[in-house]
């Protein structure tokens, strides 16, 4: 059985102090609605768990009532940090789930083919992540505003979501994070603690995340296209 955890518990402060980016209307629907529909429509997914902020449950139930959904879903509360929210989502999975896709709620343009590909690779290898090759020249700074060294962009990737795992792998990785008292903002980073290799699955189509106001017109264009 294959599950998806959509992490939708963040506040998105870079969008502005009074703006909830997940409920920002883009291309006729809230950002998170597009994300939800993409995963609901993906044939590779059997169930969805949405991790939401405390007090937002009614808003998500209302949103679900207005969407044409086909997959069972559950809402669970978010945690203090992203890794805690992911753990809460994993804890709510159907006991039969053996592979899980973890997705940012604010990443609404993910192609279904990319979701299915990441899941298939994770089932085989244990862990996989959507990523794009670096195309710009990349420099490392000295911690301030000066270049410290040049980086070989042929080895650099920008990691996205979905991040997909065998369920037992990501649970073991996050338990290792908890035991170490560490914090990770990326689920694949947890795999590094347990020596779990993560396969990069190239994302050839745009798969942006809504983070700041300049992202909105591009995402609108993609969704309407």
Protein backbone atom coordinates (compact mmCIF):
# COMPACT_ATOMS: atom_id res chain seq x y z
CA UNK A 1 0.00 0.00 0.00
CA UNK A 2 1.27 3.46 -0.90
CA UNK A 3 0.51 6.60 1.11
CA UNK A 4 1.23 10.31 0.82
CA UNK A 5 1.88 12.76 3.63
CA UNK A 6 1.23 16.37 2.63
CA UNK A 7 2.93 18.72 5.08
CA UNK A 8 0.67 21.76 5.39
CA UNK A 9 1.40 23.01 8.89
CA UNK A 10 3.85 25.83 8.17
CA UNK A 11 3.13 29.54 8.40
CA UNK A 12 5.13 30.74 5.40
CA UNK A 13 6.42 33.98 6.92
CA UNK A 14 8.35 34.93 3.76
CA UNK A 15 5.05 35.47 1.96
CA UNK A 16 4.10 38.20 4.44
CA UNK A 17 2.92 38.43 8.06
CA UNK A 18 -0.80 38.32 7.29
CA UNK A 19 -0.82 35.88 4.36
CA UNK A 20 -1.39 32.13 4.64
CA UNK A 21 0.35 30.95 1.48
CA UNK A 22 -1.43 27.58 1.53
CA UNK A 23 -4.82 29.29 1.16
CA UNK A 24 -3.62 31.94 -1.26
CA UNK A 25 -5.86 31.64 -4.33
CA UNK A 26 -3.92 30.80 -7.47
CA UNK A 27 -5.49 29.70 -10.76
CA UNK A 28 -8.94 29.57 -9.18
CA UNK A 29 -8.17 27.57 -6.04
CA UNK A 30 -6.02 27.71 -2.90
CA UNK A 31 -2.41 26.59 -3.37
CA UNK A 32 -2.87 23.57 -1.11
CA UNK A 33 -5.99 22.52 -3.05
CA UNK A 34 -3.90 22.10 -6.21
CA UNK A 35 -1.35 20.04 -4.30
CA UNK A 36 -4.05 17.88 -2.72
CA UNK A 37 -5.77 17.25 -6.07
CA UNK A 38 -2.49 16.25 -7.74
CA UNK A 39 -1.86 13.53 -5.18
CA UNK A 40 -5.50 12.47 -4.99
CA UNK A 41 -5.49 11.97 -8.78
CA UNK A 42 -2.23 10.01 -8.84
CA UNK A 43 -2.99 6.31 -9.48
CA UNK A 44 0.07 5.29 -7.46
CA UNK A 45 -1.37 6.75 -4.22
CA UNK A 46 -3.88 4.82 -2.07
CA UNK A 47 -4.41 7.24 0.84
CA UNK A 48 -3.44 10.73 1.98
CA UNK A 49 -2.55 12.20 5.36
CA UNK A 50 -2.53 15.99 5.63
CA UNK A 51 -0.55 17.53 8.48
CA UNK A 52 -2.18 20.85 9.38
CA UNK A 53 -1.82 23.62 11.95
CA UNK A 54 -3.93 23.35 15.07
CA UNK A 55 -7.15 25.26 14.55
CA UNK A 56 -7.12 24.82 10.76
CA UNK A 57 -8.95 21.50 10.68
CA UNK A 58 -12.32 23.05 9.80
CA UNK A 59 -10.79 25.00 6.93
CA UNK A 60 -9.32 21.81 5.46
CA UNK A 61 -12.56 19.86 5.88
CA UNK A 62 -14.41 22.68 4.13
CA UNK A 63 -11.82 22.64 1.36
CA UNK A 64 -12.21 18.86 0.98
CA UNK A 65 -15.97 19.26 0.65
CA UNK A 66 -15.44 21.55 -2.34
CA UNK A 67 -12.94 19.30 -4.10
CA UNK A 68 -13.78 16.19 -6.09
CA UNK A 69 -11.64 13.73 -4.12
CA UNK A 70 -11.41 9.99 -4.67
CA UNK A 71 -8.89 8.84 -2.04
CA UNK A 72 -9.42 8.47 1.72
CA UNK A 73 -7.68 11.12 3.79
CA UNK A 74 -6.96 12.00 7.40
CA UNK A 75 -5.97 15.27 9.07
CA UNK A 76 -3.37 15.26 11.83
CA UNK A 77 -1.87 18.16 13.80
CA UNK A 78 1.54 19.57 12.98
CA UNK A 79 4.49 19.62 15.35
CA UNK A 80 6.90 22.26 16.55
CA UNK A 81 9.32 21.60 13.66
CA UNK A 82 8.90 20.15 10.19
CA UNK A 83 10.43 16.84 11.26
CA UNK A 84 7.84 16.62 14.05
CA UNK A 85 5.05 17.26 11.57
CA UNK A 86 6.36 14.54 9.28
CA UNK A 87 6.56 12.14 12.22
CA UNK A 88 2.94 12.90 13.11
CA UNK A 89 1.95 12.19 9.53
CA UNK A 90 3.84 8.90 9.46
CA UNK A 91 2.21 7.87 12.73
CA UNK A 92 -1.22 8.24 11.11
CA UNK A 93 -0.52 6.02 8.10
CA UNK A 94 -2.56 2.92 7.45
CA UNK A 95 -0.66 -0.01 9.06
CA UNK A 96 -0.48 -1.65 5.64
CA UNK A 97 1.47 1.26 4.11
CA UNK A 98 4.93 0.21 3.00
CA UNK A 99 5.95 3.20 0.83
CA UNK A 100 5.23 6.87 1.47
CA UNK A 101 5.59 10.12 -0.49
CA UNK A 102 6.21 13.24 1.61
CA UNK A 103 5.16 16.46 -0.12
CA UNK A 104 5.23 20.18 0.66
CA UNK A 105 1.68 21.53 0.75
CA UNK A 106 2.91 24.66 -1.04
CA UNK A 107 4.31 22.76 -4.05
CA UNK A 108 1.22 22.58 -6.28
CA UNK A 109 2.65 21.79 -9.74
CA UNK A 110 4.27 18.39 -9.18
CA UNK A 111 3.63 16.18 -12.25
CA UNK A 112 1.88 12.87 -11.46
CA UNK A 113 4.53 11.03 -13.47
CA UNK A 114 7.23 12.40 -11.16
CA UNK A 115 5.29 11.23 -8.09
CA UNK A 116 4.93 7.74 -9.52
CA UNK A 117 8.58 7.57 -10.57
CA UNK A 118 9.88 8.63 -7.14
CA UNK A 119 7.63 6.08 -5.44
CA UNK A 120 8.80 3.27 -7.72
CA UNK A 121 12.46 4.07 -7.11
CA UNK A 122 11.91 4.33 -3.34
CA UNK A 123 10.17 0.96 -3.30
CA UNK A 124 13.22 -0.57 -4.97
CA UNK A 125 16.06 1.40 -3.34
CA UNK A 126 14.61 2.51 0.01
CA UNK A 127 14.64 6.28 -0.59
CA UNK A 128 14.28 8.65 -3.55
CA UNK A 129 13.82 12.37 -4.03
CA UNK A 130 12.74 14.65 -6.86
CA UNK A 131 15.54 17.03 -7.77
CA UNK A 132 16.73 19.35 -10.52
CA UNK A 133 20.28 19.71 -11.77
CA UNK A 134 21.98 23.01 -11.02
CA UNK A 135 22.18 25.10 -14.19
CA UNK A 136 23.66 28.33 -12.81
CA UNK A 137 27.28 28.71 -11.82
CA UNK A 138 27.39 28.17 -8.06
CA UNK A 139 29.81 29.76 -5.59
CA UNK A 140 30.33 29.16 -1.86
CA UNK A 141 30.62 32.33 0.21
CA UNK A 142 32.91 33.07 3.10
CA UNK A 143 29.87 33.43 5.32
CA UNK A 144 29.45 37.05 4.35
CA UNK A 145 29.43 38.62 0.88
CA UNK A 146 32.61 37.32 -0.72
CA UNK A 147 33.26 34.22 -2.80
CA UNK A 148 35.24 31.57 -0.94
CA UNK A 149 35.36 28.93 -3.66
CA UNK A 150 33.87 27.70 -6.90
CA UNK A 151 31.64 24.61 -6.82
CA UNK A 152 31.37 22.05 -9.60
CA UNK A 153 27.76 22.40 -10.70
CA UNK A 154 27.82 19.04 -12.51
CA UNK A 155 27.54 17.43 -9.07
CA UNK A 156 24.96 19.83 -7.61
CA UNK A 157 21.21 19.27 -7.43
CA UNK A 158 18.34 21.32 -6.02
CA UNK A 159 16.24 18.94 -3.94
CA UNK A 160 12.44 19.21 -4.08
CA UNK A 161 9.47 17.10 -3.05
CA UNK A 162 8.10 14.49 -3.24
CA UNK A 163 10.62 12.73 -1.06
CA UNK A 164 9.70 9.06 -1.06
CA UNK A 165 10.71 6.24 1.25
CA UNK A 166 9.95 2.78 2.39
CA UNK A 167 8.00 3.52 5.55
CA UNK A 168 10.34 1.54 7.80
CA UNK A 169 13.33 3.48 6.41
CA UNK A 170 12.01 6.99 7.08
CA UNK A 171 10.69 6.02 10.50
CA UNK A 172 14.08 4.61 11.45
CA UNK A 173 15.81 7.72 10.08
CA UNK A 174 13.61 10.15 12.01
CA UNK A 175 14.03 8.12 15.20
CA UNK A 176 17.79 8.55 14.72
CA UNK A 177 17.27 12.32 14.37
CA UNK A 178 15.24 12.38 17.57
CA UNK A 179 17.84 10.30 19.44
CA UNK A 180 20.62 12.64 18.31
CA UNK A 181 18.66 15.73 19.34
CA UNK A 182 19.20 17.04 15.82
CA UNK A 183 17.04 19.17 13.54
CA UNK A 184 16.57 18.58 9.83
CA UNK A 185 14.51 20.62 7.40
CA UNK A 186 14.76 17.97 4.70
CA UNK A 187 13.66 14.36 5.11
CA UNK A 188 16.55 12.96 3.06
CA UNK A 189 18.96 14.53 5.55
CA UNK A 190 17.57 12.15 8.16
CA UNK A 191 18.63 9.25 5.94
CA UNK A 192 22.23 10.45 6.10
CA UNK A 193 22.26 9.72 9.85
CA UNK A 194 21.54 6.04 9.26
CA UNK A 195 23.66 5.66 6.12
CA UNK A 196 20.64 5.16 3.86
CA UNK A 197 21.44 6.04 0.23
CA UNK A 198 18.92 8.33 -1.48
CA UNK A 199 18.40 8.12 -5.24
CA UNK A 200 18.02 11.41 -7.13
CA UNK A 201 15.07 11.35 -9.54
CA UNK A 202 15.47 14.11 -12.09
CA UNK A 203 12.57 16.56 -12.22
CA UNK A 204 12.53 17.65 -15.85
CA UNK A 205 9.40 19.82 -15.64
CA UNK A 206 8.96 22.88 -13.38
CA UNK A 207 8.06 21.87 -9.82
CA UNK A 208 8.23 25.15 -7.86
CA UNK A 209 7.26 25.80 -4.27
CA UNK A 210 5.28 28.90 -3.30
CA UNK A 211 7.56 30.58 -0.80
CA UNK A 212 7.65 34.33 -1.54
CA UNK A 213 5.45 36.76 -3.56
CA UNK A 214 7.57 36.52 -6.77
CA UNK A 215 6.75 32.79 -6.96
CA UNK A 216 3.03 33.38 -7.41
CA UNK A 217 2.87 34.58 -11.07
CA UNK A 218 5.06 31.68 -12.24
CA UNK A 219 2.99 29.10 -10.38
CA UNK A 220 -0.22 30.70 -11.71
CA UNK A 221 1.11 30.41 -15.24
CA UNK A 222 2.04 26.75 -14.79
CA UNK A 223 -1.29 25.80 -13.24
CA UNK A 224 -3.31 27.54 -15.93
CA UNK A 225 -1.20 25.93 -18.66
